[in-house]
Amino acid sequence: MGLLIAPTLALQAYSRHREFAADQRAVAVLDNPLAFARALEKIQRESELGWGLFSRVFPTRDRKTERTPIERAFASHPPTDERVSRVREAAKRVATNYEANQWHHIEIN
């Protein structure tokens, strides 16, 4: 059983790592990375409404409820809240670096 679970856990951890790397790349190439963070939040809100066709069969988790450690280990994607906070922090760093690297117009009389 362990021979099946260990590779699955490793693959899921790698998938979560790649998701964070994709988020970092999106922040680097987008003109407005905070729009990306807002899009992630909107996707999360829409997926947690619980008013879908199968909501009685597959009840959605209350947003306040944290994942259990086992759920986190087997998840292919990191929690959206964590992704949003990382994107916002990265956007702040990018904005600070962008302002620091800009040419400033100086008139010499």
C-alpha atoms as a PDB file:
ATOM      1  CA  MET A   1       0.000   0.000   0.000  1.00  0.00           C
ATOM      2  CA  GLY A   2       2.859   2.343   0.813  1.00  0.00           C
ATOM      3  CA  LEU A   3       4.289   1.769  -2.666  1.00  0.00           C
ATOM      4  CA  LEU A   4       1.123   3.300  -4.100  1.00  0.00           C
ATOM      5  CA  ILE A   5       0.690   6.140  -1.631  1.00  0.00           C
ATOM      6  CA  ALA A   6       4.266   7.486  -1.629  1.00  0.00           C
ATOM      7  CA  PRO A   7       4.417   8.245  -5.377  1.00  0.00           C
ATOM      8  CA  THR A   8       0.953   9.776  -5.247  1.00  0.00           C
ATOM      9  CA  LEU A   9       1.972  12.096  -2.413  1.00  0.00           C
ATOM     10  CA  ALA A  10       5.163  13.049  -4.254  1.00  0.00           C
ATOM     11  CA  LEU A  11       3.266  13.756  -7.464  1.00  0.00           C
ATOM     12  CA  GLN A  12       0.678  15.878  -5.685  1.00  0.00           C
ATOM     13  CA  ALA A  13       3.394  17.859  -3.871  1.00  0.00           C
ATOM     14  CA  TYR A  14       5.127  18.473  -7.194  1.00  0.00           C
ATOM     15  CA  SER A  15       1.810  19.585  -8.706  1.00  0.00           C
ATOM     16  CA  ARG A  16       1.287  22.116  -5.895  1.00  0.00           C
ATOM     17  CA  HIS A  17       4.854  23.381  -6.368  1.00  0.00           C
ATOM     18  CA  ARG A  18       4.248  23.854 -10.111  1.00  0.00           C
ATOM     19  CA  GLU A  19       1.018  25.729  -9.367  1.00  0.00           C
ATOM     20  CA  PHE A  20       2.922  28.223  -7.206  1.00  0.00           C
ATOM     21  CA  ALA A  21       5.586  28.540  -9.928  1.00  0.00           C
ATOM     22  CA  ALA A  22       2.877  29.264 -12.511  1.00  0.00           C
ATOM     23  CA  ASP A  23       1.438  31.941 -10.231  1.00  0.00           C
ATOM     24  CA  GLN A  24       4.878  33.549  -9.887  1.00  0.00           C
ATOM     25  CA  ARG A  25       5.295  33.551 -13.661  1.00  0.00           C
ATOM     26  CA  ALA A  26       1.867  35.127 -14.099  1.00  0.00           C
ATOM     27  CA  VAL A  27       2.832  37.921 -11.694  1.00  0.00           C
ATOM     28  CA  ALA A  28       6.029  38.504 -13.661  1.00  0.00           C
ATOM     29  CA  VAL A  29       4.362  38.812 -17.068  1.00  0.00           C
ATOM     30  CA  LEU A  30       1.054  40.512 -16.265  1.00  0.00           C
ATOM     31  CA  ASP A  31       0.677  44.270 -16.359  1.00  0.00           C
ATOM     32  CA  ASN A  32      -1.711  44.125 -13.417  1.00  0.00           C
ATOM     33  CA  PRO A  33      -0.941  41.090 -11.231  1.00  0.00           C
ATOM     34  CA  LEU A  34      -3.535  42.130  -8.658  1.00  0.00           C
ATOM     35  CA  ALA A  35      -6.191  41.421 -11.297  1.00  0.00           C
ATOM     36  CA  PHE A  36      -4.908  37.833 -11.266  1.00  0.00           C
ATOM     37  CA  ALA A  37      -5.370  37.693  -7.487  1.00  0.00           C
ATOM     38  CA  ARG A  38      -8.928  39.011  -7.865  1.00  0.00           C
ATOM     39  CA  ALA A  39      -9.626  36.385 -10.544  1.00  0.00           C
ATOM     40  CA  LEU A  40      -8.443  33.618  -8.214  1.00  0.00           C
ATOM     41  CA  GLU A  41     -10.729  34.950  -5.482  1.00  0.00           C
ATOM     42  CA  LYS A  42     -13.669  35.045  -7.887  1.00  0.00           C
ATOM     43  CA  ILE A  43     -13.029  31.472  -8.998  1.00  0.00           C
ATOM     44  CA  GLN A  44     -12.947  30.407  -5.359  1.00  0.00           C
ATOM     45  CA  ARG A  45     -16.218  32.204  -4.573  1.00  0.00           C
ATOM     46  CA  GLU A  46     -17.986  30.681  -7.567  1.00  0.00           C
ATOM     47  CA  SER A  47     -16.795  27.177  -6.789  1.00  0.00           C
ATOM     48  CA  GLU A  48     -17.928  27.372  -3.143  1.00  0.00           C
ATOM     49  CA  LEU A  49     -21.464  28.625  -3.613  1.00  0.00           C
ATOM     50  CA  GLY A  50     -23.075  25.230  -3.151  1.00  0.00           C
ATOM     51  CA  TRP A  51     -26.013  26.049  -5.401  1.00  0.00           C
ATOM     52  CA  GLY A  52     -24.937  23.824  -8.286  1.00  0.00           C
ATOM     53  CA  LEU A  53     -26.768  20.895  -9.792  1.00  0.00           C
ATOM     54  CA  PHE A  54     -24.875  18.344  -7.699  1.00  0.00           C
ATOM     55  CA  SER A  55     -24.712  20.356  -4.459  1.00  0.00           C
ATOM     56  CA  ARG A  56     -26.813  17.789  -2.583  1.00  0.00           C
ATOM     57  CA  VAL A  57     -24.625  14.919  -3.751  1.00  0.00           C
ATOM     58  CA  PHE A  58     -21.288  16.712  -3.323  1.00  0.00           C
ATOM     59  CA  PRO A  59     -21.735  19.275  -0.553  1.00  0.00           C
ATOM     60  CA  THR A  60     -19.194  22.043  -0.594  1.00  0.00           C
ATOM     61  CA  ARG A  61     -16.948  22.744   2.325  1.00  0.00           C
ATOM     62  CA  ASP A  62     -17.610  25.803   4.454  1.00  0.00           C
ATOM     63  CA  ARG A  63     -14.955  28.393   3.590  1.00  0.00           C
ATOM     64  CA  LYS A  64     -13.998  28.774   7.245  1.00  0.00           C
ATOM     65  CA  THR A  65     -13.199  25.060   7.574  1.00  0.00           C
ATOM     66  CA  GLU A  66      -9.556  24.202   7.017  1.00  0.00           C
ATOM     67  CA  ARG A  67      -8.462  21.138   5.121  1.00  0.00           C
ATOM     68  CA  THR A  68      -7.274  18.227   7.173  1.00  0.00           C
ATOM     69  CA  PRO A  69      -3.580  17.305   6.849  1.00  0.00           C
ATOM     70  CA  ILE A  70      -4.518  14.256   4.776  1.00  0.00           C
ATOM     71  CA  GLU A  71      -6.641  16.378   2.419  1.00  0.00           C
ATOM     72  CA  ARG A  72      -3.787  18.860   2.064  1.00  0.00           C
ATOM     73  CA  ALA A  73      -1.299  16.063   1.302  1.00  0.00           C
ATOM     74  CA  PHE A  74      -3.464  14.546  -1.431  1.00  0.00           C
ATOM     75  CA  ALA A  75      -4.605  17.859  -2.950  1.00  0.00           C
ATOM     76  CA  SER A  76      -3.306  18.605  -6.426  1.00  0.00           C
ATOM     77  CA  HIS A  77      -3.708  22.362  -5.950  1.00  0.00           C
ATOM     78  CA  PRO A  78      -2.711  24.535  -3.006  1.00  0.00           C
ATOM     79  CA  PRO A  79      -5.453  26.363  -1.100  1.00  0.00           C
ATOM     80  CA  THR A  80      -6.681  29.367  -3.071  1.00  0.00           C
ATOM     81  CA  ASP A  81      -6.351  31.670  -0.065  1.00  0.00           C
ATOM     82  CA  GLU A  82      -2.654  30.819   0.150  1.00  0.00           C
ATOM     83  CA  ARG A  83      -2.213  31.365  -3.592  1.00  0.00           C
ATOM     84  CA  VAL A  84      -3.931  34.752  -3.419  1.00  0.00           C
ATOM     85  CA  SER A  85      -1.777  35.914  -0.506  1.00  0.00           C
ATOM     86  CA  ARG A  86       1.403  34.813  -2.311  1.00  0.00           C
ATOM     87  CA  VAL A  87       0.319  36.569  -5.518  1.00  0.00           C
ATOM     88  CA  ARG A  88      -0.424  39.781  -3.611  1.00  0.00           C
ATOM     89  CA  GLU A  89       2.979  39.680  -1.881  1.00  0.00           C
ATOM     90  CA  ALA A  90       4.763  38.996  -5.157  1.00  0.00           C
ATOM     91  CA  ALA A  91       2.845  41.841  -6.827  1.00  0.00           C
ATOM     92  CA  LYS A  92       4.047  44.220  -4.119  1.00  0.00           C
ATOM     93  CA  ARG A  93       7.655  43.135  -4.668  1.00  0.00           C
ATOM     94  CA  VAL A  94       7.335  43.497  -8.443  1.00  0.00           C
ATOM     95  CA  ALA A  95       5.837  46.983  -8.081  1.00  0.00           C
ATOM     96  CA  THR A  96       8.633  48.045  -5.718  1.00  0.00           C
ATOM     97  CA  ASN A  97      11.334  46.691  -8.040  1.00  0.00           C
ATOM     98  CA  TYR A  98       9.657  48.287 -11.058  1.00  0.00           C
ATOM     99  CA  GLU A  99       9.616  51.711  -9.413  1.00  0.00           C
ATOM    100  CA  ALA A 100      13.220  51.366  -8.281  1.00  0.00           C
ATOM    101  CA  ASN A 101      14.419  50.456 -11.778  1.00  0.00           C
ATOM    102  CA  GLN A 102      12.622  53.240 -13.646  1.00  0.00           C
ATOM    103  CA  TRP A 103      14.582  56.033 -15.251  1.00  0.00           C
ATOM    104  CA  HIS A 104      13.904  59.355 -13.637  1.00  0.00           C
ATOM    105  CA  HIS A 105      13.827  62.481 -15.754  1.00  0.00           C
ATOM    106  CA  ILE A 106      16.188  65.058 -14.304  1.00  0.00           C
ATOM    107  CA  GLU A 107      16.590  68.483 -15.815  1.00  0.00           C
ATOM    108  CA  ILE A 108      19.987  70.061 -15.489  1.00  0.00           C
ATOM    109  CA  ASN A 109      20.109  73.840 -15.829  1.00  0.00           C
END
